[in-house]
Amino acid sequence: MSNARFEAIKTISSFYKGDLVEFTEKLIQTSSISGTEKAVADLYIAEMEKLGYDEVFRDDMGNVVGIVKGNEEGPSIMYNSHMDHVSPGDYANWEGYDPYGAQIDICEIDNQDKTAKEIVECIHGRAASDVKGGAAAQVYAGAVLIKFREKGYKIRGNFMFTGVVQEEPAEMVGMLHLVDKTFKEKGLDYDAMVSSEASSLKLYCGHRGRVEFLITVYGRTSHGSAPWLGINSIYKAIPLITKLKDELYPSLPVDEQLGKASISLNIIECSPGALSIVPDKCMLSIDRRTIPGETAESAKEQIQKIIDELSAQDSEFRADVRVKTALEKSYTEVEYEVAKDMAPWKISTDHPFVKAASEALEGLGQPVKYGYWDFGTDASKTAGIDRKPTIGYSPMQEQYAHTPYDKVRIDYLLKAVEGNAAIFFKAAESKENIFMPLEW
């Protein structure tokens, strides 16, 4: 790509700045808690139609898709965002900001590396940083490509924006439906994916996986006044909890980029759950973070081994473990029962797709830095399962996600439009095959 092309990207992106900010405000002002995304989906569809996307549609689950078609053959690169957000929580914690107000003001905010504060314009509100700011920047990157095409430039391949439902529950149900059902029905495919999850304009290259386990420890009821007649399942769970904490957790592997695999006991419940009855079931909800090379099955086997050891030592000890599931219903009434299992993934900074993205940012004069998410994303489908090249690139900053300080920098919004457009051009115009499947 020539310097003239990079300058043209900046010029055209700047032309859209006012519309970009207004669209971001509209998105933030529209509540879209998981399972209630219809109104915000309508906004995405209307905006892409206004901007001149070649194809815009909503699938039967409520996901939205907008495609800018190139005038030359080339790859299809998916730019993905989720449309839902978490609850704003107690409004009193928002320090004078309405979580759905999308108020713009001058504020002191972290720089890219959280090493200093800068005075910049920000838009405040729930989902500004997860992920409505990033989604708006992706939609307007498509508009930049449309404007290039109108001016007679050749566009190789297809730019595809996808907005999916129900990412926040962490089962990938919207993304799974979109890729495995909708794409197949419509004859669509994708060669790579760019996620809008918060990355502070860095290129993010992976995250750990997440599996939720339910361990049930069994006992026998008796009257609370005569506990010796029963088997207290809570007491039976104590040695299991101790082994999970003191033996399994320290032994878990470490990935050089993603960090240590982990296990955390986050919920304890018992049944029947009455004061005068010794409980015959103790349920332990486990959050297990996996690294490449681990699977839900291998993580389950580790817990099962501890259960087997305790059963051999204590004839009264009985327990089982399974991956938790959840029933998810979209705003269009489509239902899935899905496993709480998200795969780990990473992509090398030397992968050709990442190198193309870094060269695109360099051409714009943006610093090239890399990072990895602490949390999980729908990239577990595209990279962890489909093994398609995937990166994160976004104007949003991770430290503000899910907090009452939720905000996005307007200067970063504009830079992200430029970066997304440049990444598409650089990757799509590559003369070599840069979309090699991921391996680790």
Protein backbone atom coordinates (compact mmCIF):
# COMPACT_ATOMS: atom_id res chain seq x y z
CA MET A 1 0.00 0.00 0.00
CA SER A 2 1.26 3.45 -0.90
CA ASN A 3 1.55 6.39 1.45
CA ALA A 4 -1.15 8.06 -0.63
CA ARG A 5 -3.54 5.22 0.20
CA PHE A 6 -2.87 5.56 3.92
CA GLU A 7 -3.44 9.31 3.75
CA ALA A 8 -6.67 8.75 1.82
CA ILE A 9 -7.87 6.37 4.55
CA LYS A 10 -7.26 9.07 7.16
CA THR A 11 -9.02 11.73 5.07
CA ILE A 12 -12.10 9.64 4.40
CA SER A 13 -12.30 8.42 8.00
CA SER A 14 -12.14 12.02 9.21
CA PHE A 15 -15.03 12.87 6.88
CA TYR A 16 -17.20 10.40 8.81
CA LYS A 17 -16.18 11.53 12.31
CA GLY A 18 -19.43 13.32 13.15
CA ASP A 19 -21.59 10.43 11.96
CA LEU A 20 -19.35 7.94 13.76
CA VAL A 21 -19.73 9.74 17.09
CA GLU A 22 -23.50 10.12 16.63
CA PHE A 23 -23.88 6.43 15.82
CA THR A 24 -21.84 5.44 18.88
CA GLU A 25 -24.10 7.63 21.02
CA LYS A 26 -27.22 5.98 19.61
CA LEU A 27 -25.86 2.52 20.31
CA ILE A 28 -25.03 3.40 23.94
CA GLN A 29 -28.43 5.02 24.43
CA THR A 30 -30.14 1.79 23.36
CA SER A 31 -30.33 -0.88 26.07
CA SER A 32 -29.39 -4.33 24.76
CA ILE A 33 -28.93 -6.63 27.74
CA SER A 34 -28.43 -10.22 26.58
CA GLY A 35 -31.61 -11.60 25.04
CA THR A 36 -33.07 -8.13 24.37
CA GLU A 37 -30.95 -6.96 21.44
CA LYS A 38 -33.71 -6.25 18.87
CA ALA A 39 -33.68 -2.45 19.15
CA VAL A 40 -29.91 -2.19 18.81
CA ALA A 41 -29.93 -4.74 15.97
CA ASP A 42 -32.40 -2.46 14.18
CA LEU A 43 -29.92 0.40 14.61
CA TYR A 44 -27.06 -1.58 13.06
CA ILE A 45 -29.20 -2.59 10.10
CA ALA A 46 -30.45 0.97 9.48
CA GLU A 47 -26.93 2.43 9.73
CA MET A 48 -25.39 -0.05 7.30
CA GLU A 49 -28.22 0.46 4.83
CA LYS A 50 -27.76 4.24 5.10
CA LEU A 51 -24.02 3.91 4.46
CA GLY A 52 -24.57 1.82 1.33
CA TYR A 53 -23.54 -1.69 2.37
CA ASP A 54 -24.26 -4.06 -0.53
CA GLU A 55 -26.05 -6.67 1.54
CA VAL A 56 -27.61 -6.29 4.98
CA PHE A 57 -29.70 -8.90 6.74
CA ARG A 58 -30.79 -10.34 10.07
CA ASP A 59 -30.70 -14.11 10.59
CA ASP A 60 -33.33 -16.17 12.37
CA MET A 61 -31.52 -15.88 15.70
CA GLY A 62 -31.31 -12.10 15.49
CA ASN A 63 -27.66 -11.71 14.47
CA VAL A 64 -27.01 -8.96 11.91
CA VAL A 65 -24.70 -9.08 8.90
CA GLY A 66 -23.54 -6.35 6.54
CA ILE A 67 -21.33 -7.00 3.51
CA VAL A 68 -19.31 -4.60 1.39
CA LYS A 69 -18.49 -6.47 -1.80
CA GLY A 70 -15.22 -5.91 -3.56
CA ASN A 71 -14.98 -5.42 -7.30
CA GLU A 72 -12.18 -7.99 -7.54
CA GLU A 73 -11.94 -11.55 -6.27
CA GLY A 74 -10.33 -11.91 -2.86
CA PRO A 75 -10.76 -13.09 0.72
CA SER A 76 -13.71 -12.43 3.03
CA ILE A 77 -12.64 -10.84 6.30
CA MET A 78 -15.16 -10.80 9.11
CA TYR A 79 -15.24 -7.86 11.52
CA ASN A 80 -17.17 -9.08 14.53
CA SER A 81 -18.85 -7.45 17.52
CA HIS A 82 -21.45 -8.62 19.99
CA MET A 83 -24.62 -6.59 20.39
CA ASP A 84 -25.45 -7.40 24.01
CA HIS A 85 -24.10 -5.92 27.23
CA VAL A 86 -24.20 -6.58 30.95
CA SER A 87 -26.50 -4.81 33.38
CA PRO A 88 -25.51 -1.26 34.35
CA GLY A 89 -25.90 -2.24 38.01
CA ASP A 90 -26.63 0.36 40.68
CA TYR A 91 -27.07 3.75 38.99
CA ALA A 92 -25.70 5.43 42.13
CA ASN A 93 -22.21 4.12 41.23
CA TRP A 94 -22.11 6.02 37.93
CA GLU A 95 -20.99 9.29 39.56
CA GLY A 96 -23.45 11.56 37.78
CA TYR A 97 -23.43 9.81 34.39
CA ASP A 98 -26.57 8.15 33.04
CA PRO A 99 -25.48 4.67 31.89
CA TYR A 100 -27.71 5.14 28.84
CA GLY A 101 -27.01 8.85 28.42
CA ALA A 102 -23.97 8.66 26.10
CA GLN A 103 -22.75 11.93 27.57
CA ILE A 104 -19.70 13.49 25.90
CA ASP A 105 -17.26 15.46 28.01
CA ILE A 106 -13.59 16.17 28.52
CA CYS A 107 -12.12 13.71 30.97
CA GLU A 108 -8.85 12.41 32.34
CA ILE A 109 -8.38 8.89 31.06
CA ASP A 110 -5.66 6.25 30.77
CA ASN A 111 -3.37 6.23 27.78
CA GLN A 112 -2.85 3.13 25.64
CA ASP A 113 -0.52 1.42 28.13
CA LYS A 114 -2.18 2.70 31.34
CA THR A 115 1.11 4.42 32.22
CA ALA A 116 -0.24 7.98 32.27
CA LYS A 117 -3.43 10.01 32.13
CA GLU A 118 -4.47 12.13 29.15
CA ILE A 119 -7.14 14.83 28.82
CA VAL A 120 -9.42 13.84 25.93
CA GLU A 121 -13.06 13.75 24.81
CA CYS A 122 -14.93 10.61 25.86
CA ILE A 123 -18.39 9.12 25.44
CA HIS A 124 -19.72 7.66 28.69
CA GLY A 125 -22.22 4.85 29.20
CA ARG A 126 -22.81 1.15 29.51
CA ALA A 127 -21.14 -0.85 26.72
CA ALA A 128 -19.06 2.12 25.50
CA SER A 129 -16.04 -0.11 26.13
CA ASP A 130 -17.74 -3.50 25.64
CA VAL A 131 -18.31 -3.29 22.73
CA LYS A 132 -20.39 -0.51 21.18
CA GLY A 133 -17.47 1.83 20.59
CA GLY A 134 -15.54 -0.89 18.80
CA ALA A 135 -18.61 -2.00 16.84
CA ALA A 136 -19.24 1.53 15.56
CA ALA A 137 -15.62 1.77 14.40
CA GLN A 138 -16.00 -1.50 12.49
CA VAL A 139 -19.24 -0.44 10.79
CA TYR A 140 -17.63 2.83 9.67
CA ALA A 141 -14.53 1.05 8.40
CA GLY A 142 -16.92 -0.57 5.93
CA ALA A 143 -18.15 2.90 4.98
CA VAL A 144 -14.56 3.95 4.22
CA LEU A 145 -14.23 1.02 1.80
CA ILE A 146 -17.50 1.99 0.12
CA LYS A 147 -16.20 5.53 -0.39
CA PHE A 148 -12.95 4.19 -1.88
CA ARG A 149 -14.94 2.05 -4.30
CA GLU A 150 -17.07 5.04 -5.30
CA LYS A 151 -13.88 6.92 -6.16
CA GLY A 152 -12.83 4.15 -8.56
CA TYR A 153 -10.41 2.20 -6.40
CA LYS A 154 -10.21 -1.56 -6.77
CA ILE A 155 -11.39 -3.46 -3.69
CA ARG A 156 -10.27 -7.07 -3.39
CA GLY A 157 -12.50 -9.47 -1.47
CA ASN A 158 -15.39 -8.80 0.85
CA PHE A 159 -15.64 -6.84 4.11
CA MET A 160 -18.22 -8.42 6.40
CA PHE A 161 -19.51 -6.86 9.62
CA THR A 162 -21.29 -9.26 11.97
CA GLY A 163 -23.13 -8.30 15.13
CA VAL A 164 -24.01 -11.32 17.24
CA VAL A 165 -26.41 -11.85 20.10
CA GLN A 166 -25.73 -13.20 23.58
CA GLU A 167 -21.96 -13.11 23.88
CA GLU A 168 -21.98 -12.02 27.51
CA PRO A 169 -23.36 -15.34 28.90
CA ALA A 170 -20.11 -16.86 27.56
CA GLU A 171 -21.46 -19.78 25.56
CA MET A 172 -20.83 -18.33 22.06
CA VAL A 173 -24.42 -19.19 21.13
CA GLY A 174 -24.88 -16.29 18.72
CA MET A 175 -21.54 -16.82 17.00
CA LEU A 176 -22.03 -20.58 16.76
CA HIS A 177 -25.43 -20.12 15.12
CA LEU A 178 -24.10 -17.46 12.74
CA VAL A 179 -21.11 -19.44 11.48
CA ASP A 180 -22.44 -23.00 11.60
CA LYS A 181 -26.00 -22.37 10.43
CA THR A 182 -26.52 -18.95 8.85
CA PHE A 183 -23.30 -18.87 6.84
CA LYS A 184 -23.85 -22.37 5.54
CA GLU A 185 -27.46 -21.64 4.54
CA LYS A 186 -26.43 -18.48 2.68
CA GLY A 187 -23.28 -19.89 1.11
CA LEU A 188 -21.02 -17.52 3.05
CA ASP A 189 -17.58 -18.17 4.51
CA TYR A 190 -14.77 -16.15 6.04
CA ASP A 191 -10.99 -16.32 5.82
CA ALA A 192 -10.08 -14.36 8.96
CA MET A 193 -11.73 -12.44 11.77
CA VAL A 194 -11.08 -9.13 13.54
CA SER A 195 -12.77 -8.85 16.94
CA SER A 196 -13.80 -5.49 18.35
CA GLU A 197 -13.30 -6.56 21.98
CA ALA A 198 -11.34 -3.99 23.97
CA SER A 199 -7.66 -3.80 22.98
CA SER A 200 -6.60 -0.12 23.37
CA LEU A 201 -5.61 -0.02 19.66
CA LYS A 202 -3.19 -2.90 20.21
CA LEU A 203 -3.31 -6.15 18.25
CA TYR A 204 -4.59 -8.82 20.62
CA CYS A 205 -3.51 -12.34 19.84
CA GLY A 206 -5.34 -14.77 22.10
CA HIS A 207 -6.85 -15.66 25.44
CA ARG A 208 -7.34 -18.61 27.75
CA GLY A 209 -10.37 -20.86 27.43
CA ARG A 210 -13.13 -21.16 29.99
CA VAL A 211 -15.01 -24.22 31.21
CA GLU A 212 -17.66 -24.22 33.92
CA PHE A 213 -17.93 -27.48 35.87
CA LEU A 214 -20.58 -28.60 38.31
CA ILE A 215 -19.31 -31.01 40.95
CA THR A 216 -22.01 -32.69 43.03
CA VAL A 217 -20.96 -34.35 46.29
CA TYR A 218 -23.56 -36.74 47.70
CA GLY A 219 -24.53 -37.55 51.28
CA ARG A 220 -27.66 -38.68 53.14
CA THR A 221 -30.25 -36.57 54.94
CA SER A 222 -31.10 -36.79 58.60
CA HIS A 223 -32.70 -34.48 61.13
CA GLY A 224 -30.43 -31.59 62.08
CA SER A 225 -30.79 -32.62 65.72
CA ALA A 226 -29.27 -36.03 64.95
CA PRO A 227 -26.51 -35.41 62.39
CA TRP A 228 -24.85 -38.74 63.19
CA LEU A 229 -27.74 -40.49 61.42
CA GLY A 230 -26.94 -38.80 58.10
CA ILE A 231 -23.96 -38.10 55.86
CA ASN A 232 -23.31 -34.37 55.56
CA SER A 233 -22.44 -33.67 51.92
CA ILE A 234 -20.84 -30.33 52.83
CA TYR A 235 -18.38 -32.01 55.16
CA LYS A 236 -17.66 -34.64 52.49
CA ALA A 237 -16.89 -31.84 50.02
CA ILE A 238 -14.19 -30.29 52.23
CA PRO A 239 -11.33 -32.68 51.31
CA LEU A 240 -12.24 -32.31 47.63
CA ILE A 241 -12.13 -28.53 47.88
CA THR A 242 -8.79 -28.74 49.66
CA LYS A 243 -7.27 -30.90 46.93
CA LEU A 244 -8.57 -28.62 44.19
CA LYS A 245 -6.95 -25.63 45.89
CA ASP A 246 -3.73 -27.08 47.29
CA GLU A 247 -2.87 -29.84 44.79
CA LEU A 248 -4.57 -29.30 41.42
CA TYR A 249 -4.27 -25.52 41.10
CA PRO A 250 -0.48 -25.36 41.74
CA SER A 251 0.11 -28.17 39.23
CA LEU A 252 -1.69 -26.52 36.30
CA PRO A 253 0.39 -25.61 33.23
CA VAL A 254 1.55 -22.17 32.10
CA ASP A 255 1.51 -20.68 28.60
CA GLU A 256 4.26 -18.22 27.79
CA GLN A 257 1.87 -15.67 26.29
CA LEU A 258 -1.47 -16.38 27.95
CA GLY A 259 -0.29 -17.10 31.46
CA LYS A 260 -1.22 -19.81 33.92
CA ALA A 261 -4.22 -22.09 33.65
CA SER A 262 -6.42 -21.67 36.71
CA ILE A 263 -9.24 -23.18 38.70
CA SER A 264 -11.58 -21.30 41.03
CA LEU A 265 -14.45 -22.47 43.22
CA ASN A 266 -16.97 -19.64 42.87
CA ILE A 267 -20.35 -20.95 44.09
CA ILE A 268 -21.29 -23.45 46.81
CA GLU A 269 -24.91 -24.57 47.20
CA CYS A 270 -26.54 -27.39 49.12
CA SER A 271 -29.79 -29.33 49.02
CA PRO A 272 -32.38 -29.57 50.55
CA GLY A 273 -31.06 -26.31 52.01
CA ALA A 274 -33.13 -26.23 55.20
CA LEU A 275 -31.76 -25.49 58.64
CA SER A 276 -33.10 -28.64 60.27
CA ILE A 277 -31.96 -31.09 57.58
CA VAL A 278 -28.47 -32.48 57.02
CA PRO A 279 -27.80 -31.79 53.29
CA ASP A 280 -27.54 -34.76 50.97
CA LYS A 281 -26.12 -32.78 48.04
CA CYS A 282 -23.37 -30.17 47.94
CA MET A 283 -22.92 -28.48 44.56
CA LEU A 284 -19.65 -26.79 43.65
CA SER A 285 -19.52 -24.47 40.62
CA ILE A 286 -16.00 -24.36 39.22
CA ASP A 287 -14.48 -21.78 36.87
CA ARG A 288 -11.60 -23.45 35.00
CA ARG A 289 -9.41 -21.38 32.68
CA THR A 290 -7.57 -23.49 30.09
CA ILE A 291 -4.56 -22.87 27.88
CA PRO A 292 -3.79 -24.30 24.42
CA GLY A 293 -3.29 -28.05 24.71
CA GLU A 294 -6.01 -28.40 27.34
CA THR A 295 -9.64 -29.28 26.65
CA ALA A 296 -12.81 -29.50 28.70
CA GLU A 297 -12.40 -33.27 28.71
CA SER A 298 -8.79 -33.23 29.93
CA ALA A 299 -9.68 -30.70 32.64
CA LYS A 300 -12.62 -32.86 33.70
CA GLU A 301 -10.37 -35.91 33.94
CA GLN A 302 -8.14 -34.06 36.44
CA ILE A 303 -11.12 -33.50 38.74
CA GLN A 304 -12.39 -37.03 38.23
CA LYS A 305 -9.02 -38.38 39.30
CA ILE A 306 -9.33 -36.54 42.64
CA ILE A 307 -12.88 -37.86 43.07
CA ASP A 308 -11.65 -41.42 42.43
CA GLU A 309 -8.82 -41.01 44.96
CA LEU A 310 -11.19 -39.78 47.67
CA SER A 311 -13.68 -42.56 46.89
CA ALA A 312 -10.93 -45.13 47.39
CA GLN A 313 -10.03 -43.62 50.76
CA ASP A 314 -13.58 -43.10 52.07
CA SER A 315 -16.38 -45.59 51.37
CA GLU A 316 -18.98 -42.89 52.09
CA PHE A 317 -17.55 -40.40 49.59
CA ARG A 318 -19.55 -40.12 46.36
CA ALA A 319 -19.32 -37.35 43.78
CA ASP A 320 -19.56 -36.65 40.07
CA VAL A 321 -18.49 -33.86 37.76
CA ARG A 322 -19.93 -32.53 34.49
CA VAL A 323 -19.63 -29.52 32.21
CA LYS A 324 -22.45 -27.12 33.00
CA THR A 325 -25.01 -26.25 30.34
CA ALA A 326 -27.42 -23.36 29.93
CA LEU A 327 -30.62 -22.84 28.00
CA GLU A 328 -30.34 -19.63 25.96
CA LYS A 329 -33.26 -18.01 24.12
CA SER A 330 -32.69 -15.16 21.67
CA TYR A 331 -34.98 -12.20 21.19
CA THR A 332 -36.34 -14.03 18.10
CA GLU A 333 -37.31 -17.01 20.32
CA VAL A 334 -34.59 -19.35 19.00
CA GLU A 335 -33.42 -21.65 21.81
CA TYR A 336 -30.25 -23.63 22.37
CA GLU A 337 -29.00 -25.70 25.26
CA VAL A 338 -25.28 -25.04 25.14
CA ALA A 339 -22.24 -26.24 27.04
CA LYS A 340 -20.35 -23.71 29.15
CA ASP A 341 -17.13 -24.44 27.27
CA MET A 342 -15.00 -21.92 25.39
CA ALA A 343 -11.75 -23.02 23.75
CA PRO A 344 -8.38 -21.33 24.35
CA TRP A 345 -6.51 -19.93 21.36
CA LYS A 346 -3.60 -17.82 20.29
CA ILE A 347 -2.02 -16.60 17.09
CA SER A 348 1.69 -15.96 16.66
CA THR A 349 2.80 -12.39 16.12
CA ASP A 350 4.74 -13.86 13.20
CA HIS A 351 1.59 -15.22 11.54
CA PRO A 352 1.18 -13.59 8.09
CA PHE A 353 -2.24 -12.16 8.98
CA VAL A 354 -0.88 -10.51 12.12
CA LYS A 355 2.12 -9.20 10.19
CA ALA A 356 -0.21 -7.72 7.57
CA ALA A 357 -2.22 -6.02 10.33
CA SER A 358 0.91 -4.64 11.98
CA GLU A 359 2.19 -3.29 8.65
CA ALA A 360 -1.17 -1.60 8.11
CA LEU A 361 -0.98 0.17 11.47
CA GLU A 362 2.63 1.16 10.84
CA GLY A 363 1.59 2.70 7.54
CA LEU A 364 -0.93 4.87 9.39
CA GLY A 365 1.68 5.91 11.94
CA GLN A 366 -0.03 4.03 14.77
CA PRO A 367 2.30 2.29 17.25
CA VAL A 368 2.23 -1.50 16.89
CA LYS A 369 1.85 -3.26 20.21
CA TYR A 370 0.55 -6.70 21.09
CA GLY A 371 -1.53 -8.04 23.92
CA TYR A 372 -3.73 -10.89 25.17
CA TRP A 373 -7.12 -10.78 26.84
CA ASP A 374 -7.67 -11.90 30.41
CA PHE A 375 -11.32 -12.67 29.60
CA GLY A 376 -12.92 -14.91 26.99
CA THR A 377 -14.48 -13.81 23.69
CA ASP A 378 -16.37 -15.26 20.74
CA ALA A 379 -12.97 -15.70 19.08
CA SER A 380 -13.02 -19.06 20.85
CA LYS A 381 -15.22 -20.12 17.91
CA THR A 382 -13.32 -18.55 15.03
CA ALA A 383 -9.80 -19.29 16.30
CA GLY A 384 -10.23 -21.97 18.97
CA ILE A 385 -12.61 -24.20 16.98
CA ASP A 386 -12.43 -23.12 13.32
CA ARG A 387 -8.68 -22.32 13.54
CA LYS A 388 -9.17 -19.26 11.34
CA PRO A 389 -6.65 -16.39 11.72
CA THR A 390 -8.11 -14.04 14.33
CA ILE A 391 -6.97 -10.85 16.00
CA GLY A 392 -8.45 -8.24 18.28
CA TYR A 393 -8.23 -4.56 17.36
CA SER A 394 -10.37 -1.96 19.07
CA PRO A 395 -10.52 1.62 20.37
CA MET A 396 -11.97 0.45 23.69
CA GLN A 397 -9.95 -0.05 26.88
CA GLU A 398 -10.34 -3.25 28.84
CA GLN A 399 -10.10 -1.67 32.30
CA TYR A 400 -13.42 0.16 31.82
CA ALA A 401 -15.49 -2.84 30.67
CA HIS A 402 -18.37 -3.84 32.97
CA THR A 403 -17.60 -0.95 35.34
CA PRO A 404 -19.60 2.20 36.21
CA TYR A 405 -16.72 4.14 34.62
CA ASP A 406 -17.57 2.72 31.18
CA LYS A 407 -16.34 5.06 28.44
CA VAL A 408 -14.60 5.25 25.07
CA ARG A 409 -12.16 7.84 23.77
CA ILE A 410 -13.36 9.70 20.67
CA ASP A 411 -9.80 10.05 19.32
CA TYR A 412 -9.39 6.27 19.59
CA LEU A 413 -12.72 5.75 17.79
CA LEU A 414 -11.43 7.60 14.74
CA LYS A 415 -8.05 5.85 14.84
CA ALA A 416 -9.86 2.49 14.97
CA VAL A 417 -11.87 3.28 11.83
CA GLU A 418 -8.59 4.06 10.06
CA GLY A 419 -6.91 0.96 11.46
CA ASN A 420 -9.73 -1.42 10.58
CA ALA A 421 -9.89 -0.14 7.01
CA ALA A 422 -6.11 -0.31 6.59
CA ILE A 423 -5.98 -3.86 8.00
CA PHE A 424 -8.60 -4.95 5.47
CA PHE A 425 -6.76 -3.39 2.53
CA LYS A 426 -3.37 -4.78 3.57
CA ALA A 427 -4.64 -8.31 4.21
CA ALA A 428 -6.93 -8.51 1.19
CA GLU A 429 -4.31 -7.21 -1.22
CA SER A 430 -1.54 -9.56 -0.10
CA LYS A 431 -0.03 -11.46 -3.00
CA GLU A 432 0.60 -14.55 -0.86
CA ASN A 433 -1.75 -16.75 1.12
CA ILE A 434 -1.72 -15.12 4.53
CA PHE A 435 -4.74 -16.97 5.91
CA MET A 436 -3.00 -20.11 7.13
CA PRO A 437 -4.91 -22.19 9.75
CA LEU A 438 -3.83 -21.65 13.33
CA GLU A 439 -1.60 -24.17 15.09
CA TRP A 440 -0.28 -24.32 18.65
